[in-house]
Amino acid sequence: MTLWPRKGGTMASFFRLVLWASLLIGVLGLLSVDLTLNAEMTYAGILLILLAYLMFSGGEPAPQPRKSMSKARIEDDGGDDDEHPDSIESEVPIKRTRGVDVVTEQEESSDEEALVEVQAIVEDVVEAQEYVVEIDAQSMLETEIDTVVETRRTTQDEIRSEVEKRRRRQLAKIRGDTLRSRHIRTGNEELRELIKQSGSVLQIIDEPESPKPGHPYGRILIQIDEKRVIKLRIPLDEGLRAAEEEPALDFGGLPPPPLPGEGGLPLPP
């Protein structure tokens, strides 16, 4: 069987050959002819465009494979009188190689289909059974008792939590009052700061004017009016007496009594 190349592929190859020849002649002309700078840039741009077209343009896409029809007759070798001729269509793939269509033989496919073994999955089936609950007076009473006990337990927990929250709030209030009382400044402290300031107009009166030496004194500032302040000195050791030793008991030469539990004496009741 003789196969002839298609005319479309020959024309495309001839056109590309002409373009390559034009590109080669243009490059030789650019190197040999003396042109101005602008003319050389324009000429070189045209050659680059032509080169890009030749590099990135390919041939035409391959056509779909042709299908050739072949008919075959199958005669029955048996002695039957009826003959049934069948027409069988066979698809022969066509492979294109460099513009020439080449017919390749089709591989015979096996008529036997692959058998897939399917294994049945048997799930565990659980049959529902009847569940009977007997209800009597005793069980109902026990259920009610459990409900009441659970309710009381819940109520006690709520009461306990409320009492705990109230106690915490009271403790927080007491702590806050204590801290605030520590930071509150008394009038005596304010008077001390006023006396320490330079240019104070307060008149300080000492009472007593000449305290007795040899005693520790405590000082208290008392404001009489806006301009006078009394500095009162109070001795800290007055009103105290030294501890005196108690005299020992005189037994008149007799020995002291024994301690309880010694000498066989019974313990007091």
C-alpha atoms as a PDB file:
ATOM      1  CA  MET A   1       0.000   0.000   0.000  1.00  0.00           C
ATOM      2  CA  THR A   2       1.479   3.365  -1.080  1.00  0.00           C
ATOM      3  CA  LEU A   3       1.044   6.458   1.200  1.00  0.00           C
ATOM      4  CA  TRP A   4       1.467   9.971  -0.151  1.00  0.00           C
ATOM      5  CA  PRO A   5       2.255  13.005   2.045  1.00  0.00           C
ATOM      6  CA  ARG A   6      -0.333  15.674   2.465  1.00  0.00           C
ATOM      7  CA  LYS A   7      -0.018  18.973   0.615  1.00  0.00           C
ATOM      8  CA  GLY A   8      -0.625  21.122   3.751  1.00  0.00           C
ATOM      9  CA  GLY A   9       2.512  19.846   5.508  1.00  0.00           C
ATOM     10  CA  THR A  10       4.660  20.403   2.360  1.00  0.00           C
ATOM     11  CA  MET A  11       3.473  23.999   1.976  1.00  0.00           C
ATOM     12  CA  ALA A  12       4.130  24.777   5.650  1.00  0.00           C
ATOM     13  CA  SER A  13       7.643  23.315   5.477  1.00  0.00           C
ATOM     14  CA  PHE A  14       8.422  25.257   2.285  1.00  0.00           C
ATOM     15  CA  PHE A  15       7.162  28.525   3.828  1.00  0.00           C
ATOM     16  CA  ARG A  16       9.314  28.064   6.944  1.00  0.00           C
ATOM     17  CA  LEU A  17      12.331  27.243   4.757  1.00  0.00           C
ATOM     18  CA  VAL A  18      11.831  30.523   2.876  1.00  0.00           C
ATOM     19  CA  LEU A  19      11.599  32.421   6.167  1.00  0.00           C
ATOM     20  CA  TRP A  20      14.837  30.869   7.447  1.00  0.00           C
ATOM     21  CA  ALA A  21      16.592  31.779   4.201  1.00  0.00           C
ATOM     22  CA  SER A  22      15.302  35.359   4.445  1.00  0.00           C
ATOM     23  CA  LEU A  23      16.545  35.567   8.036  1.00  0.00           C
ATOM     24  CA  LEU A  24      20.011  34.338   7.043  1.00  0.00           C
ATOM     25  CA  ILE A  25      20.237  36.767   4.108  1.00  0.00           C
ATOM     26  CA  GLY A  26      19.058  39.624   6.346  1.00  0.00           C
ATOM     27  CA  VAL A  27      21.760  38.883   8.945  1.00  0.00           C
ATOM     28  CA  LEU A  28      24.456  38.817   6.239  1.00  0.00           C
ATOM     29  CA  GLY A  29      23.139  42.087   4.811  1.00  0.00           C
ATOM     30  CA  LEU A  30      23.154  43.729   8.242  1.00  0.00           C
ATOM     31  CA  LEU A  31      26.783  42.752   8.754  1.00  0.00           C
ATOM     32  CA  SER A  32      27.944  43.837   5.296  1.00  0.00           C
ATOM     33  CA  VAL A  33      25.939  47.013   4.565  1.00  0.00           C
ATOM     34  CA  ASP A  34      26.914  50.265   6.330  1.00  0.00           C
ATOM     35  CA  LEU A  35      23.746  51.954   7.641  1.00  0.00           C
ATOM     36  CA  THR A  36      22.920  54.672  10.136  1.00  0.00           C
ATOM     37  CA  LEU A  37      22.252  53.863  13.755  1.00  0.00           C
ATOM     38  CA  ASN A  38      18.459  54.236  13.483  1.00  0.00           C
ATOM     39  CA  ALA A  39      18.345  52.132  10.327  1.00  0.00           C
ATOM     40  CA  GLU A  40      20.463  49.406  11.952  1.00  0.00           C
ATOM     41  CA  MET A  41      18.178  49.326  15.026  1.00  0.00           C
ATOM     42  CA  THR A  42      15.057  49.066  12.860  1.00  0.00           C
ATOM     43  CA  TYR A  43      16.603  46.373  10.671  1.00  0.00           C
ATOM     44  CA  ALA A  44      17.749  44.381  13.719  1.00  0.00           C
ATOM     45  CA  GLY A  45      14.261  44.633  15.265  1.00  0.00           C
ATOM     46  CA  ILE A  46      12.668  43.201  12.132  1.00  0.00           C
ATOM     47  CA  LEU A  47      15.132  40.307  12.150  1.00  0.00           C
ATOM     48  CA  LEU A  48      14.428  39.597  15.831  1.00  0.00           C
ATOM     49  CA  ILE A  49      10.679  39.546  15.201  1.00  0.00           C
ATOM     50  CA  LEU A  50      11.183  37.119  12.314  1.00  0.00           C
ATOM     51  CA  LEU A  51      13.418  34.902  14.473  1.00  0.00           C
ATOM     52  CA  ALA A  52      10.854  34.879  17.302  1.00  0.00           C
ATOM     53  CA  TYR A  53       8.110  33.872  14.872  1.00  0.00           C
ATOM     54  CA  LEU A  54      10.189  30.998  13.540  1.00  0.00           C
ATOM     55  CA  MET A  55      11.168  29.814  17.038  1.00  0.00           C
ATOM     56  CA  PHE A  56       7.723  29.904  18.678  1.00  0.00           C
ATOM     57  CA  SER A  57       5.532  28.831  15.754  1.00  0.00           C
ATOM     58  CA  GLY A  58       5.251  25.106  15.168  1.00  0.00           C
ATOM     59  CA  GLY A  59       3.588  22.914  12.626  1.00  0.00           C
ATOM     60  CA  GLU A  60      -0.113  22.249  12.340  1.00  0.00           C
ATOM     61  CA  PRO A  61      -1.709  19.928  14.918  1.00  0.00           C
ATOM     62  CA  ALA A  62      -1.929  16.299  13.960  1.00  0.00           C
ATOM     63  CA  PRO A  63      -5.355  15.351  12.577  1.00  0.00           C
ATOM     64  CA  GLN A  64      -7.598  12.766  14.135  1.00  0.00           C
ATOM     65  CA  PRO A  65      -6.774   9.164  13.131  1.00  0.00           C
ATOM     66  CA  ARG A  66      -8.733   7.846  10.248  1.00  0.00           C
ATOM     67  CA  LYS A  67     -11.010   4.923  10.544  1.00  0.00           C
ATOM     68  CA  SER A  68     -10.955   2.356   7.743  1.00  0.00           C
ATOM     69  CA  MET A  69     -13.747  -0.014   7.327  1.00  0.00           C
ATOM     70  CA  SER A  70     -13.021  -3.626   6.612  1.00  0.00           C
ATOM     71  CA  LYS A  71     -15.580  -6.228   5.973  1.00  0.00           C
ATOM     72  CA  ALA A  72     -15.178  -9.925   6.643  1.00  0.00           C
ATOM     73  CA  ARG A  73     -17.435 -12.805   6.118  1.00  0.00           C
ATOM     74  CA  ILE A  74     -17.663 -15.673   8.536  1.00  0.00           C
ATOM     75  CA  GLU A  75     -18.969 -18.863   7.097  1.00  0.00           C
ATOM     76  CA  ASP A  76     -20.275 -21.573   9.318  1.00  0.00           C
ATOM     77  CA  ASP A  77     -18.332 -24.834   8.768  1.00  0.00           C
ATOM     78  CA  GLY A  78     -21.295 -26.925   9.941  1.00  0.00           C
ATOM     79  CA  GLY A  79     -23.774 -28.554   7.616  1.00  0.00           C
ATOM     80  CA  ASP A  80     -26.499 -25.923   8.262  1.00  0.00           C
ATOM     81  CA  ASP A  81     -28.282 -24.521   5.237  1.00  0.00           C
ATOM     82  CA  ASP A  82     -28.757 -21.020   6.712  1.00  0.00           C
ATOM     83  CA  GLU A  83     -25.757 -18.725   6.327  1.00  0.00           C
ATOM     84  CA  HIS A  84     -25.585 -15.444   8.316  1.00  0.00           C
ATOM     85  CA  PRO A  85     -22.865 -13.129   6.955  1.00  0.00           C
ATOM     86  CA  ASP A  86     -21.780 -10.536   9.518  1.00  0.00           C
ATOM     87  CA  SER A  87     -19.960  -7.329   8.799  1.00  0.00           C
ATOM     88  CA  ILE A  88     -17.263  -6.567  11.348  1.00  0.00           C
ATOM     89  CA  GLU A  89     -15.935  -3.028  11.727  1.00  0.00           C
ATOM     90  CA  SER A  90     -12.348  -2.800  12.777  1.00  0.00           C
ATOM     91  CA  GLU A  91     -10.679   0.393  13.796  1.00  0.00           C
ATOM     92  CA  VAL A  92      -7.129   0.723  12.586  1.00  0.00           C
ATOM     93  CA  PRO A  93      -5.196   3.559  14.289  1.00  0.00           C
ATOM     94  CA  ILE A  94      -3.109   5.797  12.027  1.00  0.00           C
ATOM     95  CA  LYS A  95       0.155   7.235  13.289  1.00  0.00           C
ATOM     96  CA  ARG A  96       1.564  10.413  11.752  1.00  0.00           C
ATOM     97  CA  THR A  97       5.330  10.610  11.415  1.00  0.00           C
ATOM     98  CA  ARG A  98       6.888  13.740   9.820  1.00  0.00           C
ATOM     99  CA  GLY A  99       3.881  14.497   7.614  1.00  0.00           C
ATOM    100  CA  VAL A 100       3.378  10.837   6.520  1.00  0.00           C
ATOM    101  CA  ASP A 101       0.432   8.790   7.716  1.00  0.00           C
ATOM    102  CA  VAL A 102       1.517   5.310   8.763  1.00  0.00           C
ATOM    103  CA  VAL A 103      -1.011   2.610   9.472  1.00  0.00           C
ATOM    104  CA  THR A 104      -0.255   0.587  12.624  1.00  0.00           C
ATOM    105  CA  GLU A 105      -1.729  -2.768  13.445  1.00  0.00           C
ATOM    106  CA  GLN A 106      -4.331  -2.813  16.167  1.00  0.00           C
ATOM    107  CA  GLU A 107      -3.666  -5.013  19.084  1.00  0.00           C
ATOM    108  CA  GLU A 108      -6.180  -7.737  19.588  1.00  0.00           C
ATOM    109  CA  SER A 109      -8.068  -7.347  22.817  1.00  0.00           C
ATOM    110  CA  SER A 110      -9.013 -10.381  24.792  1.00  0.00           C
ATOM    111  CA  ASP A 111     -12.675 -11.271  24.959  1.00  0.00           C
ATOM    112  CA  GLU A 112     -12.332 -12.672  28.393  1.00  0.00           C
ATOM    113  CA  GLU A 113     -13.292 -10.158  31.036  1.00  0.00           C
ATOM    114  CA  ALA A 114     -11.432  -9.984  34.317  1.00  0.00           C
ATOM    115  CA  LEU A 115     -13.348 -11.649  37.058  1.00  0.00           C
ATOM    116  CA  VAL A 116     -13.527  -9.651  40.286  1.00  0.00           C
ATOM    117  CA  GLU A 117     -14.155 -11.633  43.403  1.00  0.00           C
ATOM    118  CA  VAL A 118     -16.710  -9.894  45.564  1.00  0.00           C
ATOM    119  CA  GLN A 119     -16.909 -10.962  49.148  1.00  0.00           C
ATOM    120  CA  ALA A 120     -20.180 -10.379  50.881  1.00  0.00           C
ATOM    121  CA  ILE A 121     -19.946  -8.463  54.135  1.00  0.00           C
ATOM    122  CA  VAL A 122     -22.211  -9.870  56.784  1.00  0.00           C
ATOM    123  CA  GLU A 123     -22.934  -7.400  59.547  1.00  0.00           C
ATOM    124  CA  ASP A 124     -23.703  -8.467  63.081  1.00  0.00           C
ATOM    125  CA  VAL A 125     -27.410  -8.281  63.585  1.00  0.00           C
ATOM    126  CA  VAL A 126     -28.703  -7.797  67.106  1.00  0.00           C
ATOM    127  CA  GLU A 127     -32.299  -8.666  67.659  1.00  0.00           C
ATOM    128  CA  ALA A 128     -34.291  -6.388  69.913  1.00  0.00           C
ATOM    129  CA  GLN A 129     -35.532  -8.061  73.042  1.00  0.00           C
ATOM    130  CA  GLU A 130     -38.428  -7.100  75.192  1.00  0.00           C
ATOM    131  CA  TYR A 131     -37.512  -5.260  78.415  1.00  0.00           C
ATOM    132  CA  VAL A 132     -40.108  -5.360  81.144  1.00  0.00           C
ATOM    133  CA  VAL A 133     -39.980  -3.091  84.210  1.00  0.00           C
ATOM    134  CA  GLU A 134     -42.101  -3.964  87.180  1.00  0.00           C
ATOM    135  CA  ILE A 135     -43.442  -0.958  89.093  1.00  0.00           C
ATOM    136  CA  ASP A 136     -44.748  -1.397  92.605  1.00  0.00           C
ATOM    137  CA  ALA A 137     -45.440   0.849  95.567  1.00  0.00           C
ATOM    138  CA  GLN A 138     -42.080   0.157  97.230  1.00  0.00           C
ATOM    139  CA  SER A 139     -40.044   1.147  94.179  1.00  0.00           C
ATOM    140  CA  MET A 140     -42.114   4.314  93.702  1.00  0.00           C
ATOM    141  CA  LEU A 141     -41.556   5.255  97.357  1.00  0.00           C
ATOM    142  CA  GLU A 142     -37.815   4.733  97.055  1.00  0.00           C
ATOM    143  CA  THR A 143     -37.725   6.863  93.914  1.00  0.00           C
ATOM    144  CA  GLU A 144     -39.569   9.702  95.662  1.00  0.00           C
ATOM    145  CA  ILE A 145     -37.227   9.484  98.662  1.00  0.00           C
ATOM    146  CA  ASP A 146     -34.178   9.669  96.415  1.00  0.00           C
ATOM    147  CA  THR A 147     -35.648  12.685  94.625  1.00  0.00           C
ATOM    148  CA  VAL A 148     -36.354  14.514  97.898  1.00  0.00           C
ATOM    149  CA  VAL A 149     -32.873  13.759  99.249  1.00  0.00           C
ATOM    150  CA  GLU A 150     -31.244  14.983  96.060  1.00  0.00           C
ATOM    151  CA  THR A 151     -33.341  18.171  96.137  1.00  0.00           C
ATOM    152  CA  ARG A 152     -32.414  18.876  99.763  1.00  0.00           C
ATOM    153  CA  ARG A 153     -28.767  18.221  99.024  1.00  0.00           C
ATOM    154  CA  THR A 154     -28.871  20.686  96.150  1.00  0.00           C
ATOM    155  CA  THR A 155     -30.638  23.257  98.338  1.00  0.00           C
ATOM    156  CA  GLN A 156     -28.057  22.852 101.099  1.00  0.00           C
ATOM    157  CA  ASP A 157     -25.231  23.325  98.630  1.00  0.00           C
ATOM    158  CA  GLU A 158     -26.831  26.515  97.344  1.00  0.00           C
ATOM    159  CA  ILE A 159     -27.339  27.850 100.890  1.00  0.00           C
ATOM    160  CA  ARG A 160     -23.762  26.981 101.809  1.00  0.00           C
ATOM    161  CA  SER A 161     -22.430  28.777  98.725  1.00  0.00           C
ATOM    162  CA  GLU A 162     -24.557  31.859  99.505  1.00  0.00           C
ATOM    163  CA  VAL A 163     -23.285  31.948 103.103  1.00  0.00           C
ATOM    164  CA  GLU A 164     -19.705  31.600 101.878  1.00  0.00           C
ATOM    165  CA  LYS A 165     -20.162  34.456  99.417  1.00  0.00           C
ATOM    166  CA  ARG A 166     -21.701  36.674 102.117  1.00  0.00           C
ATOM    167  CA  ARG A 167     -18.858  35.890 104.510  1.00  0.00           C
ATOM    168  CA  ARG A 168     -16.286  36.727 101.869  1.00  0.00           C
ATOM    169  CA  ARG A 169     -18.001  40.046 101.153  1.00  0.00           C
ATOM    170  CA  GLN A 170     -18.004  40.906 104.862  1.00  0.00           C
ATOM    171  CA  LEU A 171     -14.322  40.029 105.199  1.00  0.00           C
ATOM    172  CA  ALA A 172     -13.500  42.120 102.148  1.00  0.00           C
ATOM    173  CA  LYS A 173     -15.426  45.054 103.612  1.00  0.00           C
ATOM    174  CA  ILE A 174     -13.621  44.731 106.964  1.00  0.00           C
ATOM    175  CA  ARG A 175     -10.242  44.620 105.236  1.00  0.00           C
ATOM    176  CA  GLY A 176     -11.121  47.640 103.137  1.00  0.00           C
ATOM    177  CA  ASP A 177     -12.219  49.615 106.211  1.00  0.00           C
ATOM    178  CA  THR A 178      -9.006  48.654 107.991  1.00  0.00           C
ATOM    179  CA  LEU A 179      -6.853  49.803 105.102  1.00  0.00           C
ATOM    180  CA  ARG A 180      -8.793  53.049 104.776  1.00  0.00           C
ATOM    181  CA  SER A 181      -8.464  53.742 108.512  1.00  0.00           C
ATOM    182  CA  ARG A 182      -4.712  53.277 108.262  1.00  0.00           C
ATOM    183  CA  HIS A 183      -4.454  55.806 105.464  1.00  0.00           C
ATOM    184  CA  ILE A 184      -6.692  58.435 107.138  1.00  0.00           C
ATOM    185  CA  ARG A 185      -4.597  61.232 108.534  1.00  0.00           C
ATOM    186  CA  THR A 186      -5.351  62.413 112.082  1.00  0.00           C
ATOM    187  CA  GLY A 187      -5.388  66.020 113.182  1.00  0.00           C
ATOM    188  CA  ASN A 188      -2.194  65.540 115.222  1.00  0.00           C
ATOM    189  CA  GLU A 189      -0.282  64.479 112.096  1.00  0.00           C
ATOM    190  CA  GLU A 190      -1.588  67.474 110.161  1.00  0.00           C
ATOM    191  CA  LEU A 191      -0.450  69.817 112.953  1.00  0.00           C
ATOM    192  CA  ARG A 192       3.028  68.285 112.854  1.00  0.00           C
ATOM    193  CA  GLU A 193       3.280  68.900 109.133  1.00  0.00           C
ATOM    194  CA  LEU A 194       2.091  72.495 109.555  1.00  0.00           C
ATOM    195  CA  ILE A 195       4.710  73.131 112.270  1.00  0.00           C
ATOM    196  CA  LYS A 196       7.486  71.679 110.088  1.00  0.00           C
ATOM    197  CA  GLN A 197       6.638  73.992 107.198  1.00  0.00           C
ATOM    198  CA  SER A 198       8.730  77.148 106.889  1.00  0.00           C
ATOM    199  CA  GLY A 199       6.902  80.430 107.519  1.00  0.00           C
ATOM    200  CA  SER A 200       4.289  78.910 109.822  1.00  0.00           C
ATOM    201  CA  VAL A 201       2.265  81.487 111.846  1.00  0.00           C
ATOM    202  CA  LEU A 202       1.172  79.052 114.566  1.00  0.00           C
ATOM    203  CA  GLN A 203       2.159  79.918 118.144  1.00  0.00           C
ATOM    204  CA  ILE A 204       3.371  76.853 120.066  1.00  0.00           C
ATOM    205  CA  ILE A 205       2.803  76.830 123.841  1.00  0.00           C
ATOM    206  CA  ASP A 206       4.841  74.273 125.820  1.00  0.00           C
ATOM    207  CA  GLU A 207       3.102  72.657 128.767  1.00  0.00           C
ATOM    208  CA  PRO A 208       4.863  72.242 131.149  1.00  0.00           C
ATOM    209  CA  GLU A 209       7.506  74.797 130.228  1.00  0.00           C
ATOM    210  CA  SER A 210      10.297  73.083 132.216  1.00  0.00           C
ATOM    211  CA  PRO A 211       9.728  69.299 132.446  1.00  0.00           C
ATOM    212  CA  LYS A 212      11.574  67.271 135.048  1.00  0.00           C
ATOM    213  CA  PRO A 213      14.667  65.585 133.657  1.00  0.00           C
ATOM    214  CA  GLY A 214      15.215  61.840 133.857  1.00  0.00           C
ATOM    215  CA  HIS A 215      11.765  60.810 132.660  1.00  0.00           C
ATOM    216  CA  PRO A 216      10.510  59.747 129.238  1.00  0.00           C
ATOM    217  CA  TYR A 217       7.820  62.063 127.886  1.00  0.00           C
ATOM    218  CA  GLY A 218       5.170  61.713 125.257  1.00  0.00           C
ATOM    219  CA  ARG A 219       4.166  64.706 123.161  1.00  0.00           C
ATOM    220  CA  ILE A 220       0.644  65.591 122.074  1.00  0.00           C
ATOM    221  CA  LEU A 221      -0.311  68.608 119.968  1.00  0.00           C
ATOM    222  CA  ILE A 222      -3.655  70.245 120.734  1.00  0.00           C
ATOM    223  CA  GLN A 223      -4.915  73.123 118.580  1.00  0.00           C
ATOM    224  CA  ILE A 224      -6.676  75.843 120.589  1.00  0.00           C
ATOM    225  CA  ASP A 225      -7.566  78.142 117.704  1.00  0.00           C
ATOM    226  CA  GLU A 226      -6.247  79.010 114.254  1.00  0.00           C
ATOM    227  CA  LYS A 227      -3.048  80.598 115.624  1.00  0.00           C
ATOM    228  CA  ARG A 228      -2.228  78.773 118.882  1.00  0.00           C
ATOM    229  CA  VAL A 229      -1.205  75.170 119.521  1.00  0.00           C
ATOM    230  CA  ILE A 230      -0.421  73.552 122.887  1.00  0.00           C
ATOM    231  CA  LYS A 231       2.447  71.073 123.014  1.00  0.00           C
ATOM    232  CA  LEU A 232       1.507  68.854 125.970  1.00  0.00           C
ATOM    233  CA  ARG A 233       4.252  66.678 127.433  1.00  0.00           C
ATOM    234  CA  ILE A 234       3.124  63.711 129.507  1.00  0.00           C
ATOM    235  CA  PRO A 235       5.586  61.544 131.493  1.00  0.00           C
ATOM    236  CA  LEU A 236       5.318  57.925 130.449  1.00  0.00           C
ATOM    237  CA  ASP A 237       6.643  56.360 133.660  1.00  0.00           C
ATOM    238  CA  GLU A 238       4.079  57.813 136.050  1.00  0.00           C
ATOM    239  CA  GLY A 239       1.444  55.493 137.436  1.00  0.00           C
ATOM    240  CA  LEU A 240       3.778  52.484 137.187  1.00  0.00           C
ATOM    241  CA  ARG A 241       5.299  50.620 140.123  1.00  0.00           C
ATOM    242  CA  ALA A 242       8.159  48.184 140.180  1.00  0.00           C
ATOM    243  CA  ALA A 243       7.400  44.534 140.804  1.00  0.00           C
ATOM    244  CA  GLU A 244       8.147  43.511 144.391  1.00  0.00           C
ATOM    245  CA  GLU A 245       9.195  40.017 145.403  1.00  0.00           C
ATOM    246  CA  GLU A 246       6.734  38.257 147.700  1.00  0.00           C
ATOM    247  CA  PRO A 247       8.250  37.078 151.003  1.00  0.00           C
ATOM    248  CA  ALA A 248       8.806  33.345 151.368  1.00  0.00           C
ATOM    249  CA  LEU A 249       6.600  31.401 153.809  1.00  0.00           C
ATOM    250  CA  ASP A 250       8.102  30.605 157.218  1.00  0.00           C
ATOM    251  CA  PHE A 251       7.431  26.993 158.269  1.00  0.00           C
ATOM    252  CA  GLY A 252       9.160  27.305 161.680  1.00  0.00           C
ATOM    253  CA  GLY A 253      11.908  24.760 160.931  1.00  0.00           C
ATOM    254  CA  LEU A 254       9.515  22.178 159.472  1.00  0.00           C
ATOM    255  CA  PRO A 255      10.262  20.623 156.110  1.00  0.00           C
ATOM    256  CA  PRO A 256       8.111  21.716 153.192  1.00  0.00           C
ATOM    257  CA  PRO A 257       5.172  19.487 152.335  1.00  0.00           C
ATOM    258  CA  PRO A 258       5.791  16.791 149.743  1.00  0.00           C
ATOM    259  CA  LEU A 259       4.596  17.150 146.198  1.00  0.00           C
ATOM    260  CA  PRO A 260       1.423  15.349 145.138  1.00  0.00           C
ATOM    261  CA  GLY A 261       2.059  11.789 144.060  1.00  0.00           C
ATOM    262  CA  GLU A 262       5.177  11.328 146.196  1.00  0.00           C
ATOM    263  CA  GLY A 263       5.459   9.464 149.490  1.00  0.00           C
ATOM    264  CA  GLY A 264       2.421   7.293 148.851  1.00  0.00           C
ATOM    265  CA  LEU A 265      -0.050  10.138 149.368  1.00  0.00           C
ATOM    266  CA  PRO A 266      -3.110   9.893 147.158  1.00  0.00           C
ATOM    267  CA  LEU A 267      -3.881  12.560 144.649  1.00  0.00           C
ATOM    268  CA  PRO A 268      -6.537  15.081 145.611  1.00  0.00           C
ATOM    269  CA  PRO A 269      -9.987  14.335 144.242  1.00  0.00           C
END
